[in-house]
Amino acid sequence: MLTQCSRHARLQRCKCLDRSFSVLKFLCFLSASVAVAVFLSLLHHRNFLN
């Protein structure tokens, strides 16, 4: 019973880690796309000004 319980807890922890990891991946992707958008707009503005 104890091993089953600990296994279940480990599984839950893995699930939780997986969820937080996917959230982190999403945040990374979001910040990267925002950075790319800002960079492109800055590039566009600079080309427009010249």
PDB file of N, CA and C in Angstrom:
ATOM      1  N   MET A   1       0.836  -1.208   0.000  1.00  0.00           N
ATOM      2  CA  MET A   1       0.000   0.000   0.000  1.00  0.00           C
ATOM      3  C   MET A   1       0.868   1.255   0.000  1.00  0.00           C
ATOM      4  N   LEU A   2       1.935   1.209   0.793  1.00  0.00           N
ATOM      5  CA  LEU A   2       2.808   2.375   0.915  1.00  0.00           C
ATOM      6  C   LEU A   2       3.511   2.668  -0.409  1.00  0.00           C
ATOM      7  N   THR A   3       3.996   1.601  -1.067  1.00  0.00           N
ATOM      8  CA  THR A   3       4.704   1.807  -2.330  1.00  0.00           C
ATOM      9  C   THR A   3       3.751   2.367  -3.384  1.00  0.00           C
ATOM     10  N   GLN A   4       2.515   1.865  -3.377  1.00  0.00           N
ATOM     11  CA  GLN A   4       1.523   2.354  -4.327  1.00  0.00           C
ATOM     12  C   GLN A   4       1.257   3.838  -4.092  1.00  0.00           C
ATOM     13  N   CYS A   5       1.150   4.213  -2.807  1.00  0.00           N
ATOM     14  CA  CYS A   5       0.884   5.602  -2.454  1.00  0.00           C
ATOM     15  C   CYS A   5       2.042   6.493  -2.896  1.00  0.00           C
ATOM     16  N   SER A   6       3.272   6.044  -2.623  1.00  0.00           N
ATOM     17  CA  SER A   6       4.431   6.852  -2.997  1.00  0.00           C
ATOM     18  C   SER A   6       4.544   6.952  -4.520  1.00  0.00           C
ATOM     19  N   ARG A   7       4.207   5.852  -5.192  1.00  0.00           N
ATOM     20  CA  ARG A   7       4.247   5.871  -6.651  1.00  0.00           C
ATOM     21  C   ARG A   7       3.231   6.885  -7.180  1.00  0.00           C
ATOM     22  N   HIS A   8       2.042   6.874  -6.569  1.00  0.00           N
ATOM     23  CA  HIS A   8       0.994   7.805  -6.970  1.00  0.00           C
ATOM     24  C   HIS A   8       1.452   9.245  -6.746  1.00  0.00           C
ATOM     25  N   ALA A   9       2.088   9.487  -5.592  1.00  0.00           N
ATOM     26  CA  ALA A   9       2.574  10.833  -5.279  1.00  0.00           C
ATOM     27  C   ALA A   9       3.635  11.260  -6.287  1.00  0.00           C
ATOM     28  N   ARG A  10       4.509  10.323  -6.640  1.00  0.00           N
ATOM     29  CA  ARG A  10       5.551  10.633  -7.616  1.00  0.00           C
ATOM     30  C   ARG A  10       4.921  10.972  -8.967  1.00  0.00           C
ATOM     31  N   LEU A  11       3.900  10.198  -9.326  1.00  0.00           N
ATOM     32  CA  LEU A  11       3.203  10.434 -10.587  1.00  0.00           C
ATOM     33  C   LEU A  11       2.568  11.823 -10.585  1.00  0.00           C
ATOM     34  N   GLN A  12       1.934  12.169  -9.455  1.00  0.00           N
ATOM     35  CA  GLN A  12       1.303  13.483  -9.336  1.00  0.00           C
ATOM     36  C   GLN A  12       2.343  14.593  -9.461  1.00  0.00           C
ATOM     37  N   ARG A  13       3.501  14.380  -8.811  1.00  0.00           N
ATOM     38  CA  ARG A  13       4.557  15.381  -8.862  1.00  0.00           C
ATOM     39  C   ARG A  13       5.047  15.542 -10.299  1.00  0.00           C
ATOM     40  N   CYS A  14       5.192  14.412 -11.002  1.00  0.00           N
ATOM     41  CA  CYS A  14       5.625  14.463 -12.399  1.00  0.00           C
ATOM     42  C   CYS A  14       4.602  15.212 -13.248  1.00  0.00           C
ATOM     43  N   LYS A  15       3.336  14.945 -12.975  1.00  0.00           N
ATOM     44  CA  LYS A  15       2.272  15.617 -13.717  1.00  0.00           C
ATOM     45  C   LYS A  15       2.326  17.117 -13.482  1.00  0.00           C
ATOM     46  N   CYS A  16       2.517  17.469 -12.209  1.00  0.00           N
ATOM     47  CA  CYS A  16       2.584  18.883 -11.851  1.00  0.00           C
ATOM     48  C   CYS A  16       3.782  19.539 -12.525  1.00  0.00           C
ATOM     49  N   LEU A  17       4.928  18.857 -12.504  1.00  0.00           N
ATOM     50  CA  LEU A  17       6.135  19.382 -13.138  1.00  0.00           C
ATOM     51  C   LEU A  17       5.914  19.548 -14.634  1.00  0.00           C
ATOM     52  N   ASP A  18       5.259  18.561 -15.237  1.00  0.00           N
ATOM     53  CA  ASP A  18       4.998  18.612 -16.667  1.00  0.00           C
ATOM     54  C   ASP A  18       4.127  19.819 -17.001  1.00  0.00           C
ATOM     55  N   ARG A  19       3.105  20.056 -16.160  1.00  0.00           N
ATOM     56  CA  ARG A  19       2.199  21.176 -16.397  1.00  0.00           C
ATOM     57  C   ARG A  19       2.951  22.499 -16.283  1.00  0.00           C
ATOM     58  N   SER A  20       3.752  22.637 -15.226  1.00  0.00           N
ATOM     59  CA  SER A  20       4.497  23.881 -15.042  1.00  0.00           C
ATOM     60  C   SER A  20       5.519  24.047 -16.161  1.00  0.00           C
ATOM     61  N   PHE A  21       6.084  22.933 -16.642  1.00  0.00           N
ATOM     62  CA  PHE A  21       7.052  23.004 -17.731  1.00  0.00           C
ATOM     63  C   PHE A  21       6.382  23.491 -19.010  1.00  0.00           C
ATOM     64  N   SER A  22       5.167  23.009 -19.276  1.00  0.00           N
ATOM     65  CA  SER A  22       4.459  23.457 -20.477  1.00  0.00           C
ATOM     66  C   SER A  22       4.103  24.935 -20.356  1.00  0.00           C
ATOM     67  N   VAL A  23       3.759  25.380 -19.139  1.00  0.00           N
ATOM     68  CA  VAL A  23       3.480  26.802 -18.919  1.00  0.00           C
ATOM     69  C   VAL A  23       4.741  27.615 -19.170  1.00  0.00           C
ATOM     70  N   LEU A  24       5.881  27.115 -18.672  1.00  0.00           N
ATOM     71  CA  LEU A  24       7.158  27.792 -18.890  1.00  0.00           C
ATOM     72  C   LEU A  24       7.483  27.858 -20.376  1.00  0.00           C
ATOM     73  N   LYS A  25       7.262  26.747 -21.074  1.00  0.00           N
ATOM     74  CA  LYS A  25       7.517  26.718 -22.514  1.00  0.00           C
ATOM     75  C   LYS A  25       6.645  27.745 -23.220  1.00  0.00           C
ATOM     76  N   PHE A  26       5.369  27.818 -22.810  1.00  0.00           N
ATOM     77  CA  PHE A  26       4.443  28.773 -23.403  1.00  0.00           C
ATOM     78  C   PHE A  26       4.911  30.199 -23.160  1.00  0.00           C
ATOM     79  N   LEU A  27       5.356  30.484 -21.914  1.00  0.00           N
ATOM     80  CA  LEU A  27       5.844  31.825 -21.583  1.00  0.00           C
ATOM     81  C   LEU A  27       7.090  32.153 -22.388  1.00  0.00           C
ATOM     82  N   CYS A  28       7.980  31.182 -22.531  1.00  0.00           N
ATOM     83  CA  CYS A  28       9.189  31.386 -23.332  1.00  0.00           C
ATOM     84  C   CYS A  28       8.815  31.722 -24.772  1.00  0.00           C
ATOM     85  N   PHE A  29       7.892  30.946 -25.329  1.00  0.00           N
ATOM     86  CA  PHE A  29       7.445  31.165 -26.698  1.00  0.00           C
ATOM     87  C   PHE A  29       6.818  32.547 -26.844  1.00  0.00           C
ATOM     88  N   LEU A  30       6.002  32.927 -25.851  1.00  0.00           N
ATOM     89  CA  LEU A  30       5.328  34.220 -25.872  1.00  0.00           C
ATOM     90  C   LEU A  30       6.342  35.361 -25.854  1.00  0.00           C
ATOM     91  N   SER A  31       7.298  35.289 -24.928  1.00  0.00           N
ATOM     92  CA  SER A  31       8.297  36.354 -24.823  1.00  0.00           C
ATOM     93  C   SER A  31       9.164  36.404 -26.079  1.00  0.00           C
ATOM     94  N   ALA A  32       9.467  35.239 -26.647  1.00  0.00           N
ATOM     95  CA  ALA A  32      10.270  35.207 -27.865  1.00  0.00           C
ATOM     96  C   ALA A  32       9.518  35.857 -29.022  1.00  0.00           C
ATOM     97  N   SER A  33       8.242  35.554 -29.168  1.00  0.00           N
ATOM     98  CA  SER A  33       7.467  36.149 -30.260  1.00  0.00           C
ATOM     99  C   SER A  33       7.303  37.651 -30.051  1.00  0.00           C
ATOM    100  N   VAL A  34       7.137  38.077 -28.795  1.00  0.00           N
ATOM    101  CA  VAL A  34       7.032  39.509 -28.506  1.00  0.00           C
ATOM    102  C   VAL A  34       8.345  40.204 -28.860  1.00  0.00           C
ATOM    103  N   ALA A  35       9.465  39.580 -28.490  1.00  0.00           N
ATOM    104  CA  ALA A  35      10.778  40.155 -28.798  1.00  0.00           C
ATOM    105  C   ALA A  35      10.969  40.262 -30.306  1.00  0.00           C
ATOM    106  N   VAL A  36      10.574  39.230 -31.039  1.00  0.00           N
ATOM    107  CA  VAL A  36      10.696  39.251 -32.499  1.00  0.00           C
ATOM    108  C   VAL A  36       9.821  40.350 -33.091  1.00  0.00           C
ATOM    109  N   ALA A  37       8.599  40.488 -32.577  1.00  0.00           N
ATOM    110  CA  ALA A  37       7.691  41.520 -33.078  1.00  0.00           C
ATOM    111  C   ALA A  37       8.261  42.911 -32.820  1.00  0.00           C
ATOM    112  N   VAL A  38       8.787  43.130 -31.610  1.00  0.00           N
ATOM    113  CA  VAL A  38       9.381  44.427 -31.272  1.00  0.00           C
ATOM    114  C   VAL A  38      10.578  44.701 -32.167  1.00  0.00           C
ATOM    115  N   PHE A  39      11.421  43.692 -32.353  1.00  0.00           N
ATOM    116  CA  PHE A  39      12.605  43.838 -33.198  1.00  0.00           C
ATOM    117  C   PHE A  39      12.209  44.188 -34.628  1.00  0.00           C
ATOM    118  N   LEU A  40      11.206  43.494 -35.159  1.00  0.00           N
ATOM    119  CA  LEU A  40      10.760  43.758 -36.526  1.00  0.00           C
ATOM    120  C   LEU A  40      10.163  45.153 -36.651  1.00  0.00           C
ATOM    121  N   SER A  41       9.386  45.573 -35.658  1.00  0.00           N
ATOM    122  CA  SER A  41       8.790  46.907 -35.725  1.00  0.00           C
ATOM    123  C   SER A  41       9.874  47.979 -35.637  1.00  0.00           C
ATOM    124  N   LEU A  42      10.885  47.762 -34.798  1.00  0.00           N
ATOM    125  CA  LEU A  42      11.994  48.713 -34.702  1.00  0.00           C
ATOM    126  C   LEU A  42      12.739  48.788 -36.026  1.00  0.00           C
ATOM    127  N   LEU A  43      12.980  47.639 -36.623  1.00  0.00           N
ATOM    128  CA  LEU A  43      13.657  47.578 -37.916  1.00  0.00           C
ATOM    129  C   LEU A  43      12.839  48.323 -38.966  1.00  0.00           C
ATOM    130  N   HIS A  44      11.542  48.090 -38.962  1.00  0.00           N
ATOM    131  CA  HIS A  44      10.647  48.730 -39.912  1.00  0.00           C
ATOM    132  C   HIS A  44      10.661  50.245 -39.724  1.00  0.00           C
ATOM    133  N   HIS A  45      10.597  50.693 -38.457  1.00  0.00           N
ATOM    134  CA  HIS A  45      10.612  52.126 -38.178  1.00  0.00           C
ATOM    135  C   HIS A  45      11.919  52.755 -38.639  1.00  0.00           C
ATOM    136  N   ARG A  46      13.024  52.062 -38.411  1.00  0.00           N
ATOM    137  CA  ARG A  46      14.314  52.609 -38.795  1.00  0.00           C
ATOM    138  C   ARG A  46      14.416  52.706 -40.318  1.00  0.00           C
ATOM    139  N   ASN A  47      13.923  51.694 -41.012  1.00  0.00           N
ATOM    140  CA  ASN A  47      13.929  51.733 -42.470  1.00  0.00           C
ATOM    141  C   ASN A  47      13.005  52.831 -42.984  1.00  0.00           C
ATOM    142  N   PHE A  48      11.907  53.027 -42.275  1.00  0.00           N
ATOM    143  CA  PHE A  48      10.939  54.044 -42.670  1.00  0.00           C
ATOM    144  C   PHE A  48      11.524  55.445 -42.483  1.00  0.00           C
ATOM    145  N   LEU A  49      12.269  55.630 -41.388  1.00  0.00           N
ATOM    146  CA  LEU A  49      12.856  56.937 -41.107  1.00  0.00           C
ATOM    147  C   LEU A  49      13.976  57.268 -42.082  1.00  0.00           C
ATOM    148  N   ASN A  50      14.745  56.246 -42.477  1.00  0.00           N
ATOM    149  CA  ASN A  50      15.870  56.552 -43.381  1.00  0.00           C
ATOM    150  C   ASN A  50      15.351  56.837 -44.757  1.00  0.00           C
TER     151      ASN A  50
END
